[in-house]
Amino acid sequence: MVELKGVIPAITTPFGEDGSLDIDGFRKLVDLVIGDGVHGVVPNGCTGESWALTDDERAEVFKATVEVTAGRVPVVPGCGAMSSADAIHKVHQAEVAGCDAVMIQPPWYVMPSLDEIFEYYKKIIAATELPIMAYNIPRRTGICFTADFVDRLADEPRIIALKESSKDWLLLSDIIRRCKDRITILAGYAPLLGLAAITEGALGFVDSAAPVVGRLAIDFYDAAIAGDIKKARSMQAELAKINRGMFGIGTFPAANKAALDMLGRPGGWTRDPIKSLNDEQRAQVRQVLIAAGLLPAEDALRATA
């Protein structure tokens, strides 16, 4: 069974100014990110504007990711949905494409109970041979897993990992201690919690910043997993500063896409209702990248010339 650990970035989906899917740009971005040294990729998540993809586009994105990775790293597409039937349909698309596992968050907007969410996962498990990474993202779903719920879910053999993105350190640390011997715990919000999570026993993180910061994310993980706390703490501070600078500029993931464009990587436009950044917002992003050493200072001079 596939092993999920290390730095597993959530990948943005480039669109053209007319809203069309830029599949060639997507392929290039996936290849560049793998070249950074990541340990897996997550297409079609929140970062990838999964809600904006048509059924055919989603299948195309899955297929393209598998083709570009060519077995170099695991492909774990987001396949959560409002119902188990819709999630199973997406999972079957992932199977056809040759993906290695799937990431499943609970239904959003519906607000089901944890017992109902457990049955949602059970139905998906029964419908696929693919390993599943469960995903706790209460800011997006309105539902937060409890440690008891994850403990119960971890007994299901097909559940191999959890991406924990509650921003609740007490919850995350409790889950790690109780479940790390049965499933892999991967932290969300790595620029804020990555070091603490790995020190506690998490085996990596799934994060949207990695395609922007490149090797910094890999070096941070390597230092943390090796126990070089001093080095990792310094890198965590760098990542947190970038996160703080980018936070609130436009609607996510518009700032990430703008940053990628500035770094010579395919970022592209966002899809309605999210607006791409205006000139003032792009200037803010540029300053964050320059301050982090990701863009040369002379880039600011060219931008204002």
C-alpha atoms as a PDB file:
ATOM      1  CA  MET A   1       0.000   0.000   0.000  1.00  0.00           C
ATOM      2  CA  VAL A   2       1.203   3.513  -0.791  1.00  0.00           C
ATOM      3  CA  GLU A   3       3.004   5.382   1.983  1.00  0.00           C
ATOM      4  CA  LEU A   4       2.137   9.042   2.455  1.00  0.00           C
ATOM      5  CA  LYS A   5       4.712  11.132   4.277  1.00  0.00           C
ATOM      6  CA  GLY A   6       6.944  14.160   3.833  1.00  0.00           C
ATOM      7  CA  VAL A   7       6.029  17.312   1.927  1.00  0.00           C
ATOM      8  CA  ILE A   8       2.862  16.801  -0.113  1.00  0.00           C
ATOM      9  CA  PRO A   9       1.812  20.078  -1.729  1.00  0.00           C
ATOM     10  CA  ALA A  10      -1.724  20.991  -2.705  1.00  0.00           C
ATOM     11  CA  ILE A  11      -1.475  22.079  -6.347  1.00  0.00           C
ATOM     12  CA  THR A  12      -3.222  25.113  -7.840  1.00  0.00           C
ATOM     13  CA  THR A  13      -5.071  24.734 -11.149  1.00  0.00           C
ATOM     14  CA  PRO A  14      -4.069  27.357 -13.740  1.00  0.00           C
ATOM     15  CA  PHE A  15      -6.872  28.910 -15.789  1.00  0.00           C
ATOM     16  CA  GLY A  16      -6.664  31.289 -18.726  1.00  0.00           C
ATOM     17  CA  GLU A  17      -8.033  34.832 -18.623  1.00  0.00           C
ATOM     18  CA  ASP A  18     -11.105  33.494 -20.436  1.00  0.00           C
ATOM     19  CA  GLY A  19     -11.611  30.888 -17.705  1.00  0.00           C
ATOM     20  CA  SER A  20     -10.381  27.935 -19.749  1.00  0.00           C
ATOM     21  CA  LEU A  21      -8.390  25.144 -18.103  1.00  0.00           C
ATOM     22  CA  ASP A  22      -4.677  25.556 -18.818  1.00  0.00           C
ATOM     23  CA  ILE A  23      -3.761  21.876 -18.731  1.00  0.00           C
ATOM     24  CA  ASP A  24      -0.310  22.469 -20.217  1.00  0.00           C
ATOM     25  CA  GLY A  25       0.437  25.007 -17.479  1.00  0.00           C
ATOM     26  CA  PHE A  26      -0.834  22.529 -14.895  1.00  0.00           C
ATOM     27  CA  ARG A  27       1.447  19.808 -16.233  1.00  0.00           C
ATOM     28  CA  LYS A  28       4.428  22.144 -16.081  1.00  0.00           C
ATOM     29  CA  LEU A  29       3.626  23.189 -12.508  1.00  0.00           C
ATOM     30  CA  VAL A  30       3.359  19.577 -11.318  1.00  0.00           C
ATOM     31  CA  ASP A  31       6.710  18.745 -12.921  1.00  0.00           C
ATOM     32  CA  LEU A  32       8.409  21.791 -11.379  1.00  0.00           C
ATOM     33  CA  VAL A  33       7.076  20.969  -7.928  1.00  0.00           C
ATOM     34  CA  ILE A  34       8.275  17.373  -8.194  1.00  0.00           C
ATOM     35  CA  GLY A  35      11.649  18.794  -9.178  1.00  0.00           C
ATOM     36  CA  ASP A  36      11.706  20.656  -5.853  1.00  0.00           C
ATOM     37  CA  GLY A  37      11.872  17.275  -4.130  1.00  0.00           C
ATOM     38  CA  VAL A  38       8.334  16.857  -2.782  1.00  0.00           C
ATOM     39  CA  HIS A  39       7.071  13.472  -1.651  1.00  0.00           C
ATOM     40  CA  GLY A  40       3.582  13.506  -3.223  1.00  0.00           C
ATOM     41  CA  VAL A  41       1.026  15.835  -4.818  1.00  0.00           C
ATOM     42  CA  VAL A  42      -2.608  16.700  -4.123  1.00  0.00           C
ATOM     43  CA  PRO A  43      -4.519  18.028  -7.137  1.00  0.00           C
ATOM     44  CA  ASN A  44      -8.189  19.041  -7.000  1.00  0.00           C
ATOM     45  CA  GLY A  45      -8.223  20.271  -3.426  1.00  0.00           C
ATOM     46  CA  CYS A  46      -9.408  23.631  -2.150  1.00  0.00           C
ATOM     47  CA  THR A  47      -6.105  25.083  -3.396  1.00  0.00           C
ATOM     48  CA  GLY A  48      -6.884  23.658  -6.837  1.00  0.00           C
ATOM     49  CA  GLU A  49     -10.341  25.308  -6.940  1.00  0.00           C
ATOM     50  CA  SER A  50     -11.902  21.860  -7.158  1.00  0.00           C
ATOM     51  CA  TRP A  51     -15.374  23.334  -6.889  1.00  0.00           C
ATOM     52  CA  ALA A  52     -14.774  25.162 -10.203  1.00  0.00           C
ATOM     53  CA  LEU A  53     -13.862  22.114 -12.307  1.00  0.00           C
ATOM     54  CA  THR A  54     -16.366  20.343 -14.505  1.00  0.00           C
ATOM     55  CA  ASP A  55     -16.589  16.566 -14.389  1.00  0.00           C
ATOM     56  CA  ASP A  56     -14.557  16.238 -17.586  1.00  0.00           C
ATOM     57  CA  GLU A  57     -11.952  18.759 -16.420  1.00  0.00           C
ATOM     58  CA  ARG A  58     -11.510  16.907 -13.144  1.00  0.00           C
ATOM     59  CA  ALA A  59     -10.859  13.673 -15.028  1.00  0.00           C
ATOM     60  CA  GLU A  60      -8.375  15.515 -17.258  1.00  0.00           C
ATOM     61  CA  VAL A  61      -6.541  16.947 -14.245  1.00  0.00           C
ATOM     62  CA  PHE A  62      -6.328  13.510 -12.609  1.00  0.00           C
ATOM     63  CA  LYS A  63      -4.995  11.942 -15.813  1.00  0.00           C
ATOM     64  CA  ALA A  64      -2.462  14.722 -16.391  1.00  0.00           C
ATOM     65  CA  THR A  65      -1.144  14.484 -12.819  1.00  0.00           C
ATOM     66  CA  VAL A  66      -0.579  10.747 -13.100  1.00  0.00           C
ATOM     67  CA  GLU A  67       1.117  11.107 -16.482  1.00  0.00           C
ATOM     68  CA  VAL A  68       3.473  13.862 -15.327  1.00  0.00           C
ATOM     69  CA  THR A  69       4.403  12.231 -12.023  1.00  0.00           C
ATOM     70  CA  ALA A  70       5.096   8.962 -13.888  1.00  0.00           C
ATOM     71  CA  GLY A  71       5.390   7.053 -10.620  1.00  0.00           C
ATOM     72  CA  ARG A  72       7.913   9.445  -9.086  1.00  0.00           C
ATOM     73  CA  VAL A  73       5.614  10.424  -6.196  1.00  0.00           C
ATOM     74  CA  PRO A  74       2.113   9.408  -5.065  1.00  0.00           C
ATOM     75  CA  VAL A  75      -0.866  11.245  -6.564  1.00  0.00           C
ATOM     76  CA  VAL A  76      -3.632  11.899  -4.008  1.00  0.00           C
ATOM     77  CA  PRO A  77      -6.474  13.910  -5.561  1.00  0.00           C
ATOM     78  CA  GLY A  78      -9.218  15.558  -3.555  1.00  0.00           C
ATOM     79  CA  CYS A  79     -12.463  13.594  -4.003  1.00  0.00           C
ATOM     80  CA  GLY A  80     -14.730  14.815  -1.217  1.00  0.00           C
ATOM     81  CA  ALA A  81     -18.315  15.700  -2.082  1.00  0.00           C
ATOM     82  CA  MET A  82     -21.710  16.638  -0.712  1.00  0.00           C
ATOM     83  CA  SER A  83     -22.793  12.989  -0.744  1.00  0.00           C
ATOM     84  CA  SER A  84     -21.094   9.606  -0.648  1.00  0.00           C
ATOM     85  CA  ALA A  85     -22.442   8.850  -4.145  1.00  0.00           C
ATOM     86  CA  ASP A  86     -20.783  11.947  -5.615  1.00  0.00           C
ATOM     87  CA  ALA A  87     -17.562  11.229  -3.727  1.00  0.00           C
ATOM     88  CA  ILE A  88     -17.550   7.662  -5.044  1.00  0.00           C
ATOM     89  CA  HIS A  89     -17.941   8.985  -8.590  1.00  0.00           C
ATOM     90  CA  LYS A  90     -14.853  11.178  -8.130  1.00  0.00           C
ATOM     91  CA  VAL A  91     -12.952   8.280  -6.555  1.00  0.00           C
ATOM     92  CA  HIS A  92     -13.771   6.133  -9.586  1.00  0.00           C
ATOM     93  CA  GLN A  93     -12.366   8.888 -11.801  1.00  0.00           C
ATOM     94  CA  ALA A  94      -9.188   8.722  -9.710  1.00  0.00           C
ATOM     95  CA  GLU A  95      -9.074   4.945 -10.140  1.00  0.00           C
ATOM     96  CA  VAL A  96      -9.412   5.205 -13.913  1.00  0.00           C
ATOM     97  CA  ALA A  97      -6.621   7.792 -14.037  1.00  0.00           C
ATOM     98  CA  GLY A  98      -4.298   5.566 -12.010  1.00  0.00           C
ATOM     99  CA  CYS A  99      -4.053   7.687  -8.848  1.00  0.00           C
ATOM    100  CA  ASP A 100      -2.391   6.157  -5.794  1.00  0.00           C
ATOM    101  CA  ALA A 101      -4.840   7.273  -3.086  1.00  0.00           C
ATOM    102  CA  VAL A 102      -7.602   9.825  -2.556  1.00  0.00           C
ATOM    103  CA  MET A 103      -8.198  12.638  -0.086  1.00  0.00           C
ATOM    104  CA  ILE A 104     -11.738  12.841   1.298  1.00  0.00           C
ATOM    105  CA  GLN A 105     -13.187  15.615   3.442  1.00  0.00           C
ATOM    106  CA  PRO A 106     -16.709  15.402   4.909  1.00  0.00           C
ATOM    107  CA  PRO A 107     -19.658  17.038   3.160  1.00  0.00           C
ATOM    108  CA  TRP A 108     -19.835  20.802   3.556  1.00  0.00           C
ATOM    109  CA  TYR A 109     -22.972  22.930   4.063  1.00  0.00           C
ATOM    110  CA  VAL A 110     -25.028  19.835   5.035  1.00  0.00           C
ATOM    111  CA  MET A 111     -23.643  19.728   8.635  1.00  0.00           C
ATOM    112  CA  PRO A 112     -24.110  15.964   9.235  1.00  0.00           C
ATOM    113  CA  SER A 113     -23.339  14.381  12.600  1.00  0.00           C
ATOM    114  CA  LEU A 114     -20.060  12.542  13.158  1.00  0.00           C
ATOM    115  CA  ASP A 115     -21.943   9.223  13.053  1.00  0.00           C
ATOM    116  CA  GLU A 116     -23.350  10.197   9.658  1.00  0.00           C
ATOM    117  CA  ILE A 117     -19.881  11.245   8.479  1.00  0.00           C
ATOM    118  CA  PHE A 118     -18.525   7.871   9.585  1.00  0.00           C
ATOM    119  CA  GLU A 119     -21.140   6.150   7.416  1.00  0.00           C
ATOM    120  CA  TYR A 120     -20.210   8.476   4.532  1.00  0.00           C
ATOM    121  CA  TYR A 121     -16.621   7.221   4.814  1.00  0.00           C
ATOM    122  CA  LYS A 122     -17.758   3.591   5.173  1.00  0.00           C
ATOM    123  CA  LYS A 123     -19.712   3.789   1.911  1.00  0.00           C
ATOM    124  CA  ILE A 124     -16.702   5.216   0.089  1.00  0.00           C
ATOM    125  CA  ILE A 125     -14.412   2.565   1.589  1.00  0.00           C
ATOM    126  CA  ALA A 126     -16.762  -0.170   0.377  1.00  0.00           C
ATOM    127  CA  ALA A 127     -16.721   1.224  -3.162  1.00  0.00           C
ATOM    128  CA  THR A 128     -12.979   1.415  -3.815  1.00  0.00           C
ATOM    129  CA  GLU A 129      -9.669  -0.383  -3.433  1.00  0.00           C
ATOM    130  CA  LEU A 130      -7.790   2.927  -3.218  1.00  0.00           C
ATOM    131  CA  PRO A 131      -6.275   3.999   0.113  1.00  0.00           C
ATOM    132  CA  ILE A 132      -7.941   7.049   1.660  1.00  0.00           C
ATOM    133  CA  MET A 133      -6.527  10.100   3.400  1.00  0.00           C
ATOM    134  CA  ALA A 134      -9.276  11.623   5.542  1.00  0.00           C
ATOM    135  CA  TYR A 135      -9.277  15.397   5.746  1.00  0.00           C
ATOM    136  CA  ASN A 136     -10.362  17.547   8.686  1.00  0.00           C
ATOM    137  CA  ILE A 137     -10.882  21.122   7.485  1.00  0.00           C
ATOM    138  CA  PRO A 138     -13.588  22.690   9.687  1.00  0.00           C
ATOM    139  CA  ARG A 139     -13.050  26.188   8.285  1.00  0.00           C
ATOM    140  CA  ARG A 140     -14.335  24.914   4.920  1.00  0.00           C
ATOM    141  CA  THR A 141     -16.843  22.249   5.987  1.00  0.00           C
ATOM    142  CA  GLY A 142     -18.278  23.625   9.217  1.00  0.00           C
ATOM    143  CA  ILE A 143     -17.522  20.266  10.862  1.00  0.00           C
ATOM    144  CA  CYS A 144     -14.578  19.412  13.100  1.00  0.00           C
ATOM    145  CA  PHE A 145     -13.463  15.846  13.747  1.00  0.00           C
ATOM    146  CA  THR A 146     -12.892  14.851  17.348  1.00  0.00           C
ATOM    147  CA  ALA A 147      -9.984  12.709  18.497  1.00  0.00           C
ATOM    148  CA  ASP A 148     -12.511   9.962  19.299  1.00  0.00           C
ATOM    149  CA  PHE A 149     -13.857  10.108  15.749  1.00  0.00           C
ATOM    150  CA  VAL A 150     -10.377   9.852  14.194  1.00  0.00           C
ATOM    151  CA  ASP A 151      -9.543   7.029  16.624  1.00  0.00           C
ATOM    152  CA  ARG A 152     -12.586   5.167  15.302  1.00  0.00           C
ATOM    153  CA  LEU A 153     -11.774   5.958  11.670  1.00  0.00           C
ATOM    154  CA  ALA A 154      -8.164   4.801  12.113  1.00  0.00           C
ATOM    155  CA  ASP A 155      -9.398   1.255  12.731  1.00  0.00           C
ATOM    156  CA  GLU A 156     -10.578   1.086   9.105  1.00  0.00           C
ATOM    157  CA  PRO A 157      -7.749  -0.580   7.113  1.00  0.00           C
ATOM    158  CA  ARG A 158      -8.340   1.516   4.002  1.00  0.00           C
ATOM    159  CA  ILE A 159      -7.913   4.774   5.941  1.00  0.00           C
ATOM    160  CA  ILE A 160      -4.140   5.239   5.845  1.00  0.00           C
ATOM    161  CA  ALA A 161      -3.691   8.928   6.684  1.00  0.00           C
ATOM    162  CA  LEU A 162      -5.282  12.079   8.026  1.00  0.00           C
ATOM    163  CA  LYS A 163      -4.666  15.643   6.928  1.00  0.00           C
ATOM    164  CA  GLU A 164      -5.464  17.656  10.039  1.00  0.00           C
ATOM    165  CA  SER A 165      -6.227  21.317   9.300  1.00  0.00           C
ATOM    166  CA  SER A 166      -8.255  22.484  12.279  1.00  0.00           C
ATOM    167  CA  LYS A 167      -5.493  24.857  13.522  1.00  0.00           C
ATOM    168  CA  ASP A 168      -6.284  23.388  16.960  1.00  0.00           C
ATOM    169  CA  TRP A 169      -2.965  22.237  18.418  1.00  0.00           C
ATOM    170  CA  LEU A 170      -4.592  20.437  21.360  1.00  0.00           C
ATOM    171  CA  LEU A 171      -6.710  18.402  18.935  1.00  0.00           C
ATOM    172  CA  LEU A 172      -3.850  17.723  16.514  1.00  0.00           C
ATOM    173  CA  SER A 173      -1.447  16.620  19.242  1.00  0.00           C
ATOM    174  CA  ASP A 174      -4.086  14.368  20.830  1.00  0.00           C
ATOM    175  CA  ILE A 175      -4.810  12.721  17.467  1.00  0.00           C
ATOM    176  CA  ILE A 176      -1.104  12.172  16.806  1.00  0.00           C
ATOM    177  CA  ARG A 177      -0.560  10.488  20.177  1.00  0.00           C
ATOM    178  CA  ARG A 178      -3.630   8.278  19.858  1.00  0.00           C
ATOM    179  CA  CYS A 179      -3.509   7.327  16.195  1.00  0.00           C
ATOM    180  CA  LYS A 180       0.047   7.626  14.818  1.00  0.00           C
ATOM    181  CA  ASP A 181       0.698   3.887  15.163  1.00  0.00           C
ATOM    182  CA  ARG A 182      -2.245   3.070  12.864  1.00  0.00           C
ATOM    183  CA  ILE A 183      -2.409   5.933  10.361  1.00  0.00           C
ATOM    184  CA  THR A 184      -0.064   8.632   9.145  1.00  0.00           C
ATOM    185  CA  ILE A 185      -0.869  12.077  10.508  1.00  0.00           C
ATOM    186  CA  LEU A 186      -0.065  14.954   8.152  1.00  0.00           C
ATOM    187  CA  ALA A 187      -0.399  18.532   9.355  1.00  0.00           C
ATOM    188  CA  GLY A 188      -2.119  21.301   7.481  1.00  0.00           C
ATOM    189  CA  TYR A 189      -0.940  24.890   7.911  1.00  0.00           C
ATOM    190  CA  ALA A 190       2.695  23.763   7.911  1.00  0.00           C
ATOM    191  CA  PRO A 191       4.071  27.331   8.054  1.00  0.00           C
ATOM    192  CA  LEU A 192       2.445  27.604  11.491  1.00  0.00           C
ATOM    193  CA  LEU A 193       2.317  24.076  12.925  1.00  0.00           C
ATOM    194  CA  GLY A 194       4.716  21.944  10.881  1.00  0.00           C
ATOM    195  CA  LEU A 195       7.594  21.756  13.362  1.00  0.00           C
ATOM    196  CA  ALA A 196       5.411  21.146  16.391  1.00  0.00           C
ATOM    197  CA  ALA A 197       3.458  18.442  14.559  1.00  0.00           C
ATOM    198  CA  ILE A 198       6.562  16.584  13.370  1.00  0.00           C
ATOM    199  CA  THR A 199       8.141  16.828  16.826  1.00  0.00           C
ATOM    200  CA  GLU A 200       4.975  15.265  18.266  1.00  0.00           C
ATOM    201  CA  GLY A 201       5.016  12.416  15.731  1.00  0.00           C
ATOM    202  CA  ALA A 202       3.394  13.597  12.491  1.00  0.00           C
ATOM    203  CA  LEU A 203       5.213  12.335   9.402  1.00  0.00           C
ATOM    204  CA  GLY A 204       4.873  15.420   7.232  1.00  0.00           C
ATOM    205  CA  PHE A 205       2.424  17.965   5.953  1.00  0.00           C
ATOM    206  CA  VAL A 206       0.037  18.791   3.127  1.00  0.00           C
ATOM    207  CA  ASP A 207       0.336  22.469   2.354  1.00  0.00           C
ATOM    208  CA  SER A 208      -0.427  25.036  -0.348  1.00  0.00           C
ATOM    209  CA  ALA A 209       2.723  27.103   0.267  1.00  0.00           C
ATOM    210  CA  ALA A 210       5.204  24.466  -0.926  1.00  0.00           C
ATOM    211  CA  PRO A 211       4.892  25.226  -4.677  1.00  0.00           C
ATOM    212  CA  VAL A 212       5.654  28.881  -3.871  1.00  0.00           C
ATOM    213  CA  VAL A 213       8.523  28.454  -1.417  1.00  0.00           C
ATOM    214  CA  GLY A 214      10.087  25.523  -3.283  1.00  0.00           C
ATOM    215  CA  ARG A 215      13.131  23.931  -1.652  1.00  0.00           C
ATOM    216  CA  LEU A 216      12.536  25.840   1.597  1.00  0.00           C
ATOM    217  CA  ALA A 217       9.615  23.514   2.372  1.00  0.00           C
ATOM    218  CA  ILE A 218      11.737  20.421   1.708  1.00  0.00           C
ATOM    219  CA  ASP A 219      14.704  21.699   3.716  1.00  0.00           C
ATOM    220  CA  PHE A 220      12.375  22.583   6.585  1.00  0.00           C
ATOM    221  CA  TYR A 221      10.893  19.086   6.600  1.00  0.00           C
ATOM    222  CA  ASP A 222      14.329  17.454   6.404  1.00  0.00           C
ATOM    223  CA  ALA A 223      15.597  19.497   9.366  1.00  0.00           C
ATOM    224  CA  ALA A 224      12.475  18.807  11.431  1.00  0.00           C
ATOM    225  CA  ILE A 225      12.404  15.058  10.757  1.00  0.00           C
ATOM    226  CA  ALA A 226      16.165  14.821  11.498  1.00  0.00           C
ATOM    227  CA  GLY A 227      15.668  16.531  14.850  1.00  0.00           C
ATOM    228  CA  ASP A 228      17.668  19.634  13.954  1.00  0.00           C
ATOM    229  CA  ILE A 229      15.345  21.825  15.980  1.00  0.00           C
ATOM    230  CA  LYS A 230      17.431  24.999  15.799  1.00  0.00           C
ATOM    231  CA  LYS A 231      17.562  24.923  11.998  1.00  0.00           C
ATOM    232  CA  ALA A 232      13.924  23.881  11.660  1.00  0.00           C
ATOM    233  CA  ARG A 233      12.766  26.591  14.082  1.00  0.00           C
ATOM    234  CA  SER A 234      14.540  29.247  11.993  1.00  0.00           C
ATOM    235  CA  MET A 235      12.912  27.955   8.806  1.00  0.00           C
ATOM    236  CA  GLN A 236       9.516  27.772  10.516  1.00  0.00           C
ATOM    237  CA  ALA A 237       9.878  31.469  11.331  1.00  0.00           C
ATOM    238  CA  GLU A 238      10.629  32.227   7.653  1.00  0.00           C
ATOM    239  CA  LEU A 239       7.608  30.246   6.511  1.00  0.00           C
ATOM    240  CA  ALA A 240       5.361  31.871   9.123  1.00  0.00           C
ATOM    241  CA  LYS A 241       6.486  35.328   7.994  1.00  0.00           C
ATOM    242  CA  ILE A 242       5.622  34.498   4.366  1.00  0.00           C
ATOM    243  CA  ASN A 243       2.260  33.108   5.472  1.00  0.00           C
ATOM    244  CA  ARG A 244       1.516  36.231   7.509  1.00  0.00           C
ATOM    245  CA  GLY A 245       2.451  38.491   4.606  1.00  0.00           C
ATOM    246  CA  MET A 246       0.278  36.638   2.094  1.00  0.00           C
ATOM    247  CA  PHE A 247      -2.716  36.080   4.335  1.00  0.00           C
ATOM    248  CA  GLY A 248      -5.748  38.162   3.426  1.00  0.00           C
ATOM    249  CA  ILE A 249      -4.483  39.366   0.038  1.00  0.00           C
ATOM    250  CA  GLY A 250      -7.441  38.597  -2.178  1.00  0.00           C
ATOM    251  CA  THR A 251      -9.463  35.407  -1.863  1.00  0.00           C
ATOM    252  CA  PHE A 252      -7.545  32.139  -1.577  1.00  0.00           C
ATOM    253  CA  PRO A 253      -5.832  30.919  -3.750  1.00  0.00           C
ATOM    254  CA  ALA A 254      -5.487  34.144  -5.784  1.00  0.00           C
ATOM    255  CA  ALA A 255      -2.346  35.285  -3.937  1.00  0.00           C
ATOM    256  CA  ASN A 256      -0.693  31.874  -4.393  1.00  0.00           C
ATOM    257  CA  LYS A 257      -1.398  32.006  -8.109  1.00  0.00           C
ATOM    258  CA  ALA A 258       0.001  35.517  -8.422  1.00  0.00           C
ATOM    259  CA  ALA A 259       3.124  34.472  -6.495  1.00  0.00           C
ATOM    260  CA  LEU A 260       3.653  31.496  -8.781  1.00  0.00           C
ATOM    261  CA  ASP A 261       3.398  33.727 -11.855  1.00  0.00           C
ATOM    262  CA  MET A 262       5.994  36.097 -10.404  1.00  0.00           C
ATOM    263  CA  LEU A 263       8.320  33.170  -9.747  1.00  0.00           C
ATOM    264  CA  GLY A 264       8.055  31.992 -13.356  1.00  0.00           C
ATOM    265  CA  ARG A 265       5.729  29.118 -12.503  1.00  0.00           C
ATOM    266  CA  PRO A 266       2.259  28.638 -14.012  1.00  0.00           C
ATOM    267  CA  GLY A 267      -0.199  30.266 -11.622  1.00  0.00           C
ATOM    268  CA  GLY A 268      -2.789  31.595 -13.986  1.00  0.00           C
ATOM    269  CA  TRP A 269      -6.141  33.224 -13.386  1.00  0.00           C
ATOM    270  CA  THR A 270      -8.785  32.231 -10.854  1.00  0.00           C
ATOM    271  CA  ARG A 271     -12.331  31.211 -11.702  1.00  0.00           C
ATOM    272  CA  ASP A 272     -15.533  33.042 -10.828  1.00  0.00           C
ATOM    273  CA  PRO A 273     -16.489  34.054  -8.172  1.00  0.00           C
ATOM    274  CA  ILE A 274     -12.843  34.431  -7.074  1.00  0.00           C
ATOM    275  CA  LYS A 275     -11.137  37.427  -8.627  1.00  0.00           C
ATOM    276  CA  SER A 276      -7.482  37.471  -9.637  1.00  0.00           C
ATOM    277  CA  LEU A 277      -5.411  40.070  -7.810  1.00  0.00           C
ATOM    278  CA  ASN A 278      -5.364  43.694  -8.901  1.00  0.00           C
ATOM    279  CA  ASP A 279      -2.118  45.648  -9.385  1.00  0.00           C
ATOM    280  CA  GLU A 280      -2.010  46.900  -5.799  1.00  0.00           C
ATOM    281  CA  GLN A 281      -2.511  43.419  -4.400  1.00  0.00           C
ATOM    282  CA  ARG A 282       0.097  41.964  -6.746  1.00  0.00           C
ATOM    283  CA  ALA A 283       2.569  44.588  -5.520  1.00  0.00           C
ATOM    284  CA  GLN A 284       1.920  43.413  -1.958  1.00  0.00           C
ATOM    285  CA  VAL A 285       2.628  39.808  -2.919  1.00  0.00           C
ATOM    286  CA  ARG A 286       5.772  40.854  -4.747  1.00  0.00           C
ATOM    287  CA  GLN A 287       7.080  42.597  -1.635  1.00  0.00           C
ATOM    288  CA  VAL A 288       6.470  39.475   0.453  1.00  0.00           C
ATOM    289  CA  LEU A 289       8.453  37.373  -2.031  1.00  0.00           C
ATOM    290  CA  ILE A 290      11.295  39.907  -2.141  1.00  0.00           C
ATOM    291  CA  ALA A 291      11.448  40.105   1.662  1.00  0.00           C
ATOM    292  CA  ALA A 292      11.643  36.293   1.786  1.00  0.00           C
ATOM    293  CA  GLY A 293      14.477  36.213  -0.749  1.00  0.00           C
ATOM    294  CA  LEU A 294      12.334  34.344  -3.264  1.00  0.00           C
ATOM    295  CA  LEU A 295      12.544  37.248  -5.739  1.00  0.00           C
ATOM    296  CA  PRO A 296      15.542  39.541  -6.224  1.00  0.00           C
ATOM    297  CA  ALA A 297      15.172  43.106  -4.951  1.00  0.00           C
ATOM    298  CA  GLU A 298      15.784  44.524  -8.433  1.00  0.00           C
ATOM    299  CA  ASP A 299      12.528  42.853  -9.475  1.00  0.00           C
ATOM    300  CA  ALA A 300      10.719  45.593  -7.527  1.00  0.00           C
ATOM    301  CA  LEU A 301      12.582  48.262  -9.468  1.00  0.00           C
ATOM    302  CA  ARG A 302      11.578  46.712 -12.804  1.00  0.00           C
ATOM    303  CA  ALA A 303       7.969  46.523 -11.624  1.00  0.00           C
ATOM    304  CA  THR A 304       7.859  50.260 -10.943  1.00  0.00           C
ATOM    305  CA  ALA A 305       9.942  51.415 -13.940  1.00  0.00           C
END
